[in-house]
Amino acid sequence: MFSGILKTRQGHVEAQKPIEWGKIDLQGNIMGSHDFPTISTYLRSTFKPVQSTALFHTLAQKAPEHLLEIPTEAWVIACSSHSGEALHQEWVNWWLRDAKLSREDAEHGLVCGVHPPLYGALELLQVVPSVVHHNCSGQHAMMLALCKRLNLPMSNYHLPEHPLFQDVLAFMHLHTPIQATHVWGTDGCRLPTPYLSLEDALCLMHSFAQGTLGNMMLKWMKTHPYLVAGSHRFDTVLGQMPLPIISKGGAEGLLVLWHLETRETLIIKSLAGDPAARDLFAWHLLAHLGWIAPETALHESPLVDSSLFSSIQSDLQFLF
């Protein structure tokens, strides 16, 4: 049975965008496409809230006196795949100052690399891209700052054998069903990331959200949605809407959504790695599952920049 988006023209199918999804509720009941998707994927940036919460837990265990010194915005930028806009840069630089790293030191200290900020061309004309603009720089800057606070080596902070990653692994074993035997890979920003079936990924993200710290981090993300992604991006615009829902997207068409009231968790994966199709499908799936009202789905959309679909939405069919 096909799950995803059908694009038709004059009543004939012109293109198919296959998308898999699964949902789990508080009782552990799972539903989804094809009874439940069986493909696997790297978690990539959807893993950032788990990593950040694990390291919050580390600081709480080993140096709790430091917790009050770190604003919630700093933790949210560490969970984000930000666009490198001014406010994002401000909070990345907060972590770098906390780590006592100059901008020049950061260019060599952060291993995520450099790419231009993920916002408009006009801004790009006036900006020399730096490591701070990298969409994963919040996570990396946070890790260096925690190395400083915990008297850990900053070198090789991104490698699996570093104590910080070992703390992430221990947190996962303590709070989630994921075991060390699962396959690990390297994200595009050079941090370790697990390779899981969508069912295991759904269970991981759900278990994470049920914990006190995971639920706290998600609520902080909901409080500061602009830091989660940026202008005109799905995670931020959905987070800014008056809905008890927060989402975190990742590379290759992966998206995780949490309902903060019913405590359900939803995972969506575009098999073609298409984030635009994924986001559009997600919005209609939320209405199908009752997370948003049908009339909300018809008259509002978090796809502020929906030019890819704006002229053809009447020719799209959503099959769940």
Protein backbone atom coordinates (compact mmCIF):
# COMPACT_ATOMS: atom_id res chain seq x y z
CA MET A 1 0.00 0.00 0.00
CA PHE A 2 1.43 3.36 -1.05
CA SER A 3 1.97 6.02 1.63
CA GLY A 4 3.00 9.51 0.60
CA ILE A 5 2.08 12.18 -1.94
CA LEU A 6 0.62 11.60 -5.41
CA LYS A 7 0.87 14.46 -7.88
CA THR A 8 -1.73 14.26 -10.59
CA ARG A 9 -2.44 16.26 -13.72
CA GLN A 10 -5.81 16.09 -15.46
CA GLY A 11 -6.62 13.08 -13.28
CA HIS A 12 -3.52 11.07 -14.15
CA VAL A 13 -0.65 10.31 -11.75
CA GLU A 14 2.45 12.24 -12.79
CA ALA A 15 4.74 11.70 -9.79
CA GLN A 16 4.89 9.72 -6.55
CA LYS A 17 6.70 10.81 -3.40
CA PRO A 18 6.77 7.78 -1.04
CA ILE A 19 6.85 8.64 2.66
CA GLU A 20 6.87 6.28 5.67
CA TRP A 21 5.59 7.24 9.11
CA GLY A 22 4.85 5.82 12.55
CA LYS A 23 3.22 7.05 15.75
CA ILE A 24 3.41 5.78 19.34
CA ASP A 25 1.17 6.75 22.25
CA LEU A 26 1.68 6.69 26.02
CA GLN A 27 0.51 3.08 26.24
CA GLY A 28 3.13 2.00 23.70
CA ASN A 29 0.61 1.40 20.92
CA ILE A 30 2.19 1.86 17.49
CA MET A 31 0.48 2.64 14.21
CA GLY A 32 1.84 3.73 10.88
CA SER A 33 2.17 3.18 7.17
CA HIS A 34 2.31 -0.47 6.04
CA ASP A 35 1.44 -1.50 9.63
CA PHE A 36 4.83 -0.02 10.47
CA PRO A 37 7.79 1.06 8.36
CA THR A 38 10.74 -1.31 8.19
CA ILE A 39 13.43 0.87 6.60
CA SER A 40 16.42 2.21 8.56
CA THR A 41 18.08 5.60 8.63
CA TYR A 42 20.74 7.67 10.36
CA LEU A 43 19.13 10.00 12.90
CA ARG A 44 21.40 12.91 11.96
CA SER A 45 20.10 16.25 13.36
CA THR A 46 16.98 14.74 14.91
CA PHE A 47 19.40 13.26 17.45
CA LYS A 48 20.55 16.69 18.69
CA PRO A 49 17.89 17.15 21.41
CA VAL A 50 18.84 13.72 22.82
CA GLN A 51 22.57 14.57 22.77
CA SER A 52 22.01 17.96 24.40
CA THR A 53 19.77 16.52 27.10
CA ALA A 54 22.31 13.78 27.81
CA LEU A 55 25.02 16.39 28.35
CA PHE A 56 22.68 18.52 30.49
CA HIS A 57 22.31 15.36 32.60
CA THR A 58 26.11 14.99 32.74
CA LEU A 59 26.51 18.56 34.01
CA ALA A 60 23.72 18.04 36.54
CA GLN A 61 25.48 14.93 37.87
CA LYS A 62 29.07 16.18 37.89
CA ALA A 63 28.88 19.96 38.33
CA PRO A 64 25.32 21.00 39.22
CA GLU A 65 26.50 24.39 40.44
CA HIS A 66 27.02 25.37 36.79
CA LEU A 67 23.45 24.75 35.66
CA LEU A 68 22.03 28.09 36.78
CA GLU A 69 24.77 29.89 34.84
CA ILE A 70 23.54 28.57 31.48
CA PRO A 71 20.39 30.14 29.95
CA THR A 72 17.75 27.93 28.38
CA GLU A 73 18.40 29.61 25.01
CA ALA A 74 21.94 28.22 25.05
CA TRP A 75 20.61 24.66 25.43
CA VAL A 76 18.09 25.20 22.62
CA ILE A 77 20.75 26.42 20.16
CA ALA A 78 22.62 23.20 20.98
CA CYS A 79 19.50 21.24 19.92
CA SER A 80 19.10 23.17 16.70
CA SER A 81 19.91 22.99 13.01
CA HIS A 82 19.97 26.76 12.82
CA SER A 83 20.10 29.07 9.82
CA GLY A 84 23.04 31.14 11.03
CA GLU A 85 20.97 34.30 11.47
CA ALA A 86 22.04 37.01 13.91
CA LEU A 87 20.29 35.57 16.97
CA HIS A 88 21.64 32.09 16.23
CA GLN A 89 25.16 33.49 16.00
CA GLU A 90 24.65 35.33 19.28
CA TRP A 91 23.93 32.12 21.21
CA VAL A 92 26.65 30.10 19.48
CA ASN A 93 29.05 32.86 20.49
CA TRP A 94 27.69 32.68 24.06
CA TRP A 95 28.92 29.08 24.26
CA LEU A 96 32.27 30.01 22.69
CA ARG A 97 32.78 32.77 25.25
CA ASP A 98 31.85 30.30 27.96
CA ALA A 99 34.54 27.98 26.60
CA LYS A 100 36.93 30.97 26.56
CA LEU A 101 37.50 30.55 22.84
CA SER A 102 38.06 33.49 20.52
CA ARG A 103 36.42 33.59 17.10
CA GLU A 104 39.80 32.64 15.64
CA ASP A 105 40.19 29.73 18.08
CA ALA A 106 36.70 28.55 17.18
CA GLU A 107 37.64 28.31 13.51
CA HIS A 108 40.15 25.62 14.48
CA GLY A 109 38.37 24.20 17.54
CA LEU A 110 34.96 23.39 16.04
CA VAL A 111 35.19 20.42 13.70
CA CYS A 112 31.79 20.94 12.08
CA GLY A 113 33.38 23.05 9.34
CA VAL A 114 32.16 26.16 7.56
CA HIS A 115 29.23 26.72 5.26
CA PRO A 116 27.22 29.86 4.40
CA PRO A 117 24.26 30.77 6.59
CA LEU A 118 21.03 29.12 5.49
CA TYR A 119 19.10 32.30 4.78
CA GLY A 120 18.57 34.79 2.00
CA ALA A 121 21.00 35.76 -0.75
CA LEU A 122 20.94 39.46 0.20
CA GLU A 123 22.42 38.70 3.60
CA LEU A 124 25.00 36.42 2.02
CA LEU A 125 26.38 39.31 0.00
CA GLN A 126 27.40 41.02 3.24
CA VAL A 127 28.63 38.05 5.25
CA VAL A 128 31.90 36.16 5.14
CA PRO A 129 30.88 32.63 6.17
CA SER A 130 32.52 31.31 9.31
CA VAL A 131 32.24 28.25 11.51
CA VAL A 132 29.58 30.06 13.58
CA HIS A 133 27.23 29.99 10.58
CA HIS A 134 27.37 26.20 10.30
CA ASN A 135 23.92 24.89 11.16
CA CYS A 136 25.39 22.46 13.74
CA SER A 137 27.73 24.95 15.42
CA GLY A 138 25.48 25.29 18.49
CA GLN A 139 25.95 21.62 19.38
CA HIS A 140 29.70 21.78 18.81
CA ALA A 141 30.19 25.02 20.76
CA MET A 142 28.19 23.56 23.66
CA MET A 143 30.40 20.47 23.71
CA LEU A 144 33.59 22.55 23.86
CA ALA A 145 32.14 24.69 26.66
CA LEU A 146 31.20 21.61 28.68
CA CYS A 147 34.70 20.22 28.17
CA LYS A 148 35.96 23.44 29.74
CA ARG A 149 33.53 23.30 32.67
CA LEU A 150 34.18 19.61 33.34
CA ASN A 151 37.96 19.77 32.88
CA LEU A 152 37.87 17.40 29.91
CA PRO A 153 40.14 17.59 26.86
CA MET A 154 38.77 19.74 24.03
CA SER A 155 40.74 17.84 21.42
CA ASN A 156 38.83 15.06 19.67
CA TYR A 157 35.61 16.03 21.47
CA HIS A 158 33.67 14.72 18.46
CA LEU A 159 35.01 11.17 18.55
CA PRO A 160 33.08 8.20 20.04
CA GLU A 161 35.81 7.47 22.61
CA HIS A 162 35.66 10.99 24.10
CA PRO A 163 34.12 11.11 27.61
CA LEU A 164 31.30 13.38 26.40
CA PHE A 165 30.09 10.84 23.86
CA GLN A 166 30.44 8.08 26.43
CA ASP A 167 28.10 10.11 28.63
CA VAL A 168 25.63 10.38 25.74
CA LEU A 169 25.78 6.62 25.32
CA ALA A 170 25.28 6.03 29.06
CA PHE A 171 22.26 8.37 29.06
CA MET A 172 20.73 6.46 26.17
CA HIS A 173 21.22 3.15 27.95
CA LEU A 174 19.70 4.54 31.14
CA HIS A 175 16.67 6.20 29.61
CA THR A 176 15.97 4.50 26.30
CA PRO A 177 15.78 0.98 24.80
CA ILE A 178 18.73 1.61 22.45
CA GLN A 179 21.81 -0.55 23.09
CA ALA A 180 25.48 -0.14 22.24
CA THR A 181 25.26 -2.95 19.70
CA HIS A 182 23.40 -0.70 17.28
CA VAL A 183 25.29 0.61 14.27
CA TRP A 184 26.80 4.09 14.60
CA GLY A 185 27.89 6.38 11.80
CA THR A 186 29.15 9.93 11.38
CA ASP A 187 26.85 12.87 10.76
CA GLY A 188 27.68 15.52 8.17
CA CYS A 189 29.04 17.66 11.01
CA ARG A 190 31.34 14.79 12.11
CA LEU A 191 29.49 13.83 15.31
CA PRO A 192 28.46 10.19 15.97
CA THR A 193 24.88 9.36 15.03
CA PRO A 194 22.97 6.06 15.35
CA TYR A 195 21.62 4.06 12.39
CA LEU A 196 18.24 2.63 13.39
CA SER A 197 15.10 1.16 11.96
CA LEU A 198 12.28 3.70 12.01
CA GLU A 199 10.57 1.64 14.70
CA ASP A 200 13.66 1.76 16.95
CA ALA A 201 14.06 5.46 16.19
CA LEU A 202 10.43 6.10 17.11
CA CYS A 203 10.80 4.18 20.39
CA LEU A 204 14.02 6.06 21.21
CA MET A 205 12.48 9.47 20.59
CA HIS A 206 9.33 8.55 22.52
CA SER A 207 11.22 7.19 25.52
CA PHE A 208 13.43 10.30 25.52
CA ALA A 209 10.38 12.57 25.59
CA GLN A 210 8.76 10.73 28.51
CA GLY A 211 11.75 11.41 30.76
CA THR A 212 11.72 14.50 32.95
CA LEU A 213 14.78 16.01 31.29
CA GLY A 214 13.68 15.16 27.75
CA ASN A 215 10.26 16.70 28.33
CA MET A 216 11.93 19.78 29.82
CA MET A 217 14.20 20.20 26.77
CA LEU A 218 11.28 19.89 24.36
CA LYS A 219 9.36 22.57 26.28
CA TRP A 220 12.40 24.86 26.10
CA MET A 221 12.47 24.30 22.34
CA LYS A 222 8.78 25.22 22.20
CA THR A 223 9.53 28.38 24.21
CA HIS A 224 12.33 29.43 21.81
CA PRO A 225 11.25 28.00 18.42
CA TYR A 226 13.16 30.58 16.38
CA LEU A 227 16.41 29.12 17.71
CA VAL A 228 15.45 25.59 16.65
CA ALA A 229 15.75 26.37 12.92
CA GLY A 230 15.18 29.93 11.67
CA SER A 231 13.03 32.16 9.49
CA HIS A 232 10.61 30.39 7.15
CA ARG A 233 11.72 26.93 8.25
CA PHE A 234 9.26 24.20 9.22
CA ASP A 235 10.49 23.48 12.77
CA THR A 236 10.45 27.14 13.77
CA VAL A 237 7.18 28.17 12.12
CA LEU A 238 5.33 25.12 13.48
CA GLY A 239 6.85 25.80 16.91
CA GLN A 240 5.61 29.40 16.80
CA MET A 241 2.02 28.32 16.17
CA PRO A 242 -0.37 28.03 19.18
CA LEU A 243 -0.23 24.23 19.06
CA PRO A 244 1.25 21.88 21.71
CA ILE A 245 3.61 20.42 19.10
CA ILE A 246 7.36 20.66 18.57
CA SER A 247 9.32 19.13 15.71
CA LYS A 248 12.95 18.46 14.81
CA GLY A 249 13.96 17.75 11.26
CA GLY A 250 17.05 15.96 10.04
CA ALA A 251 18.87 15.28 6.80
CA GLU A 252 17.52 12.98 4.10
CA GLY A 253 13.87 13.70 4.76
CA LEU A 254 13.63 12.65 8.43
CA LEU A 255 11.31 14.44 10.87
CA VAL A 256 10.31 13.75 14.49
CA LEU A 257 7.32 15.46 16.12
CA TRP A 258 6.22 15.41 19.76
CA HIS A 259 2.75 16.27 21.12
CA LEU A 260 3.43 17.98 24.43
CA GLU A 261 -0.06 17.35 25.86
CA THR A 262 -0.96 13.82 24.78
CA ARG A 263 2.75 12.83 25.02
CA GLU A 264 2.58 10.99 21.67
CA THR A 265 5.54 10.82 19.30
CA LEU A 266 5.51 10.77 15.50
CA ILE A 267 8.30 9.98 13.03
CA ILE A 268 8.20 10.68 9.28
CA LYS A 269 10.72 9.72 6.61
CA SER A 270 10.69 10.74 2.96
CA LEU A 271 12.17 7.77 1.11
CA ALA A 272 13.56 10.14 -1.52
CA GLY A 273 15.13 12.35 1.17
CA ASP A 274 12.87 15.22 0.08
CA PRO A 275 12.37 17.68 2.98
CA ALA A 276 9.79 19.84 1.17
CA ALA A 277 7.54 16.86 0.44
CA ARG A 278 8.14 15.55 3.97
CA ASP A 279 7.04 18.82 5.58
CA LEU A 280 3.94 19.15 3.42
CA PHE A 281 2.98 15.52 4.13
CA ALA A 282 3.61 16.05 7.85
CA TRP A 283 1.18 18.96 8.00
CA HIS A 284 -1.64 16.91 6.45
CA LEU A 285 -0.75 13.85 8.54
CA LEU A 286 -1.15 15.96 11.70
CA ALA A 287 -4.74 16.68 10.66
CA HIS A 288 -5.32 13.02 9.75
CA LEU A 289 -4.16 11.92 13.24
CA GLY A 290 -6.14 14.63 15.05
CA TRP A 291 -3.09 16.55 16.28
CA ILE A 292 -4.47 19.65 14.56
CA ALA A 293 -8.02 20.48 13.53
CA PRO A 294 -8.91 19.78 9.87
CA GLU A 295 -9.88 23.41 9.36
CA THR A 296 -6.45 24.45 10.63
CA ALA A 297 -4.83 22.20 8.01
CA LEU A 298 -6.95 23.80 5.29
CA HIS A 299 -6.39 27.45 6.19
CA GLU A 300 -2.95 27.55 7.83
CA SER A 301 0.39 25.98 7.06
CA PRO A 302 3.88 26.10 8.55
CA LEU A 303 5.21 26.05 4.98
CA VAL A 304 5.74 29.80 4.78
CA ASP A 305 8.03 29.37 1.79
CA SER A 306 5.92 26.84 -0.11
CA SER A 307 6.68 28.00 -3.65
CA LEU A 308 7.54 24.43 -4.66
CA PHE A 309 3.93 23.42 -4.06
CA SER A 310 1.85 26.62 -4.09
CA SER A 311 0.68 26.29 -7.69
CA ILE A 312 -0.08 22.56 -7.58
CA GLN A 313 -1.61 21.84 -4.17
CA SER A 314 -5.00 21.13 -5.74
CA ASP A 315 -3.31 18.35 -7.76
CA LEU A 316 -1.78 16.64 -4.71
CA GLN A 317 -3.26 13.63 -2.94
CA PHE A 318 -2.04 12.57 0.52
CA LEU A 319 -2.21 8.85 1.25
CA PHE A 320 -1.53 7.75 4.83
